[in-house]
């Protein structure tokens, strides 16, 4: 149960009619680069740790609130 030669030919003719003869090589190149980058990204075991460190987390107040240790910001009057 796969794609036979007639089905592949129909798909290629439809792609040729939709995108035109000049865009088909560019489209194939873009798909190839996309697959290559996906394989490269999934093969690497490097993972980025985005969790904040305890020291930095304790130093920063929750968003939208000021801590008692930090002075309030003064507005400049022009």
N, C-alpha and C. Protein backbone atom coordinates (compact mmCIF):
# COMPACT_ATOMS: atom_id res chain seq x y z
N UNK A 1 0.84 -1.17 0.00
CA UNK A 1 0.00 0.00 0.00
C UNK A 1 0.88 1.24 0.00
N UNK A 2 1.34 1.63 -1.10
CA UNK A 2 2.19 2.80 -1.23
C UNK A 2 1.80 3.59 -2.46
N UNK A 3 2.62 4.54 -2.76
CA UNK A 3 2.38 5.34 -3.95
C UNK A 3 3.03 4.65 -5.15
N UNK A 4 2.24 4.42 -6.15
CA UNK A 4 2.75 3.82 -7.36
C UNK A 4 3.20 4.90 -8.33
N UNK A 5 3.67 4.48 -9.49
CA UNK A 5 4.15 5.41 -10.51
C UNK A 5 3.05 6.35 -11.00
N UNK A 6 1.83 5.88 -11.26
CA UNK A 6 0.79 6.82 -11.73
C UNK A 6 0.46 7.91 -10.69
N UNK A 7 0.43 7.53 -9.42
CA UNK A 7 0.11 8.52 -8.38
C UNK A 7 1.21 9.56 -8.27
N UNK A 8 2.47 9.13 -8.34
CA UNK A 8 3.60 10.06 -8.26
C UNK A 8 3.59 11.01 -9.45
N UNK A 9 3.29 10.50 -10.64
CA UNK A 9 3.23 11.35 -11.83
C UNK A 9 2.12 12.39 -11.71
N UNK A 10 0.96 12.00 -11.19
CA UNK A 10 -0.15 12.94 -11.02
C UNK A 10 0.26 14.03 -10.02
N UNK A 11 0.92 13.65 -8.93
CA UNK A 11 1.36 14.64 -7.94
C UNK A 11 2.37 15.60 -8.55
N UNK A 12 3.33 15.09 -9.35
CA UNK A 12 4.32 15.94 -9.98
C UNK A 12 3.69 16.90 -10.99
N UNK A 13 2.69 16.45 -11.75
CA UNK A 13 2.01 17.32 -12.71
C UNK A 13 1.25 18.42 -11.98
N UNK A 14 0.59 18.08 -10.88
CA UNK A 14 -0.14 19.09 -10.11
C UNK A 14 0.83 20.11 -9.53
N UNK A 15 1.97 19.65 -8.98
CA UNK A 15 2.97 20.57 -8.46
C UNK A 15 3.51 21.49 -9.55
N UNK A 16 3.73 20.94 -10.73
CA UNK A 16 4.22 21.74 -11.84
C UNK A 16 3.20 22.80 -12.24
N UNK A 17 1.93 22.45 -12.23
CA UNK A 17 0.90 23.42 -12.59
C UNK A 17 0.72 24.50 -11.51
N UNK A 18 0.85 24.11 -10.25
CA UNK A 18 0.63 25.06 -9.16
C UNK A 18 1.81 26.01 -9.01
N UNK A 19 3.03 25.48 -8.96
CA UNK A 19 4.19 26.30 -8.67
C UNK A 19 4.94 26.78 -9.89
N UNK A 20 4.83 26.11 -10.99
CA UNK A 20 5.56 26.51 -12.19
C UNK A 20 6.92 25.84 -12.24
N UNK A 21 7.50 25.83 -13.42
CA UNK A 21 8.76 25.11 -13.64
C UNK A 21 9.93 25.78 -12.93
N UNK A 22 9.89 27.09 -12.75
CA UNK A 22 11.01 27.79 -12.13
C UNK A 22 11.06 27.62 -10.62
N UNK A 23 9.93 27.40 -9.99
CA UNK A 23 9.88 27.31 -8.53
C UNK A 23 10.13 25.90 -7.99
N UNK A 24 10.00 24.87 -8.81
CA UNK A 24 10.15 23.49 -8.34
C UNK A 24 11.56 23.24 -7.78
N UNK A 25 12.65 23.64 -8.45
CA UNK A 25 13.98 23.42 -7.86
C UNK A 25 14.18 24.18 -6.54
N UNK A 26 13.66 25.39 -6.46
CA UNK A 26 13.77 26.17 -5.23
C UNK A 26 12.98 25.50 -4.10
N UNK A 27 11.83 24.97 -4.42
CA UNK A 27 11.00 24.29 -3.43
C UNK A 27 11.69 23.01 -2.93
N UNK A 28 12.29 22.26 -3.84
CA UNK A 28 13.02 21.06 -3.45
C UNK A 28 14.23 21.39 -2.59
N UNK A 29 14.94 22.46 -2.92
CA UNK A 29 16.09 22.88 -2.13
C UNK A 29 15.67 23.29 -0.73
N UNK A 30 14.57 24.01 -0.61
CA UNK A 30 14.09 24.44 0.70
C UNK A 30 13.66 23.25 1.55
N UNK A 31 12.99 22.28 0.94
CA UNK A 31 12.57 21.08 1.68
C UNK A 31 13.80 20.28 2.12
N UNK A 32 14.80 20.17 1.27
CA UNK A 32 16.02 19.46 1.61
C UNK A 32 16.76 20.10 2.78
N UNK A 33 16.86 21.43 2.77
CA UNK A 33 17.51 22.15 3.87
C UNK A 33 16.73 21.98 5.16
N UNK A 34 15.42 22.00 5.06
CA UNK A 34 14.58 21.84 6.24
C UNK A 34 14.78 20.46 6.86
N UNK A 35 14.78 19.43 6.05
CA UNK A 35 14.98 18.07 6.56
C UNK A 35 16.38 17.92 7.15
N UNK A 36 17.39 18.49 6.48
CA UNK A 36 18.77 18.41 6.97
C UNK A 36 18.91 19.10 8.32
N UNK A 37 18.32 20.28 8.47
CA UNK A 37 18.39 21.01 9.74
C UNK A 37 17.64 20.27 10.84
N UNK A 38 16.51 19.66 10.50
CA UNK A 38 15.74 18.91 11.49
C UNK A 38 16.54 17.70 11.98
N UNK A 39 17.17 16.98 11.08
CA UNK A 39 17.98 15.83 11.47
C UNK A 39 19.17 16.27 12.32
N UNK A 40 19.79 17.38 11.94
CA UNK A 40 20.93 17.89 12.70
C UNK A 40 20.52 18.30 14.11
N UNK A 41 19.37 18.94 14.23
CA UNK A 41 18.91 19.40 15.54
C UNK A 41 18.46 18.23 16.41
N UNK A 42 17.84 17.23 15.83
CA UNK A 42 17.37 16.10 16.63
C UNK A 42 18.49 15.15 16.99
N UNK A 43 19.59 15.15 16.25
CA UNK A 43 20.70 14.25 16.53
C UNK A 43 21.58 14.75 17.67
N UNK A 44 21.63 16.07 17.87
CA UNK A 44 22.49 16.59 18.93
C UNK A 44 21.84 16.37 20.28
N UNK A 45 22.65 15.98 21.25
CA UNK A 45 22.14 15.71 22.59
C UNK A 45 22.26 16.93 23.50
N UNK A 46 22.68 18.05 22.95
CA UNK A 46 22.83 19.26 23.75
C UNK A 46 21.46 19.79 24.11
N UNK A 47 21.23 19.94 25.38
CA UNK A 47 19.97 20.53 25.80
C UNK A 47 20.28 21.79 26.59
N UNK A 48 19.46 22.78 26.42
CA UNK A 48 19.66 24.06 27.09
C UNK A 48 18.84 24.06 28.36
N UNK A 49 19.49 24.36 29.46
CA UNK A 49 18.82 24.43 30.74
C UNK A 49 18.36 25.87 30.96
N UNK A 50 17.06 26.08 30.97
CA UNK A 50 16.52 27.42 31.11
C UNK A 50 15.95 27.70 32.49
N UNK A 51 16.13 26.77 33.42
CA UNK A 51 15.63 27.00 34.76
C UNK A 51 16.56 27.98 35.48
N UNK A 52 15.99 28.94 36.20
CA UNK A 52 16.84 29.92 36.88
C UNK A 52 17.58 29.29 38.05
N UNK A 53 18.74 29.82 38.32
CA UNK A 53 19.51 29.34 39.45
C UNK A 53 18.87 29.85 40.73
N UNK A 54 19.05 29.12 41.81
CA UNK A 54 18.43 29.50 43.08
C UNK A 54 18.90 30.86 43.54
N UNK A 55 20.17 31.14 43.37
CA UNK A 55 20.73 32.41 43.81
C UNK A 55 20.09 33.59 43.06
N UNK A 56 19.96 33.46 41.75
CA UNK A 56 19.37 34.54 40.97
C UNK A 56 17.87 34.65 41.24
N UNK A 57 17.22 33.54 41.46
CA UNK A 57 15.78 33.56 41.71
C UNK A 57 15.48 34.24 43.04
N UNK A 58 16.31 34.03 44.08
CA UNK A 58 16.09 34.66 45.37
C UNK A 58 16.36 36.15 45.31
N UNK A 59 17.25 36.58 44.44
CA UNK A 59 17.61 37.99 44.34
C UNK A 59 16.54 38.80 43.61
N UNK A 60 15.86 38.21 42.64
CA UNK A 60 14.88 38.93 41.84
C UNK A 60 13.50 38.84 42.47
N UNK A 61 12.78 39.98 42.61
CA UNK A 61 11.43 39.93 43.14
C UNK A 61 10.47 39.38 42.09
N UNK A 62 9.30 38.92 42.50
CA UNK A 62 8.31 38.47 41.51
C UNK A 62 7.94 39.62 40.59
N UNK A 63 7.57 39.30 39.38
CA UNK A 63 7.26 40.34 38.41
C UNK A 63 6.06 41.18 38.86
N UNK A 64 6.20 42.49 38.68
CA UNK A 64 5.12 43.40 39.03
C UNK A 64 5.18 43.87 40.47
N UNK A 65 6.08 43.33 41.29
CA UNK A 65 6.18 43.74 42.68
C UNK A 65 7.60 44.21 42.95
N UNK A 66 7.73 45.16 43.88
CA UNK A 66 9.05 45.61 44.28
C UNK A 66 9.37 44.99 45.62
N UNK A 67 10.62 44.62 45.79
CA UNK A 67 11.01 44.06 47.08
C UNK A 67 11.29 45.19 48.06
N UNK A 68 11.33 44.87 49.35
CA UNK A 68 11.56 45.88 50.37
C UNK A 68 12.99 46.40 50.30
N UNK A 69 13.93 45.61 49.79
CA UNK A 69 15.32 46.02 49.75
C UNK A 69 15.60 47.00 48.62
N UNK A 70 14.83 46.97 47.56
CA UNK A 70 15.10 47.87 46.45
C UNK A 70 14.35 49.18 46.63
N UNK A 71 15.03 50.29 46.40
CA UNK A 71 14.36 51.59 46.57
C UNK A 71 13.37 51.82 45.45
N UNK A 72 12.32 52.56 45.70
CA UNK A 72 11.36 52.86 44.63
C UNK A 72 12.00 53.75 43.58
N UNK A 73 11.58 53.57 42.37
CA UNK A 73 12.14 54.38 41.28
C UNK A 73 11.51 55.76 41.30
N UNK A 74 12.33 56.75 41.07
CA UNK A 74 11.85 58.13 41.05
C UNK A 74 11.57 58.53 39.61
N UNK A 75 10.48 59.22 39.40
CA UNK A 75 10.14 59.68 38.08
C UNK A 75 10.83 61.01 37.82
N UNK A 76 11.34 61.15 36.61
CA UNK A 76 11.99 62.41 36.24
C UNK A 76 10.96 63.40 35.76
N UNK A 77 11.06 64.63 36.24
CA UNK A 77 10.18 65.68 35.77
C UNK A 77 10.98 66.60 34.88
N UNK A 78 10.44 66.86 33.72
CA UNK A 78 11.17 67.69 32.76
C UNK A 78 10.63 69.08 32.76
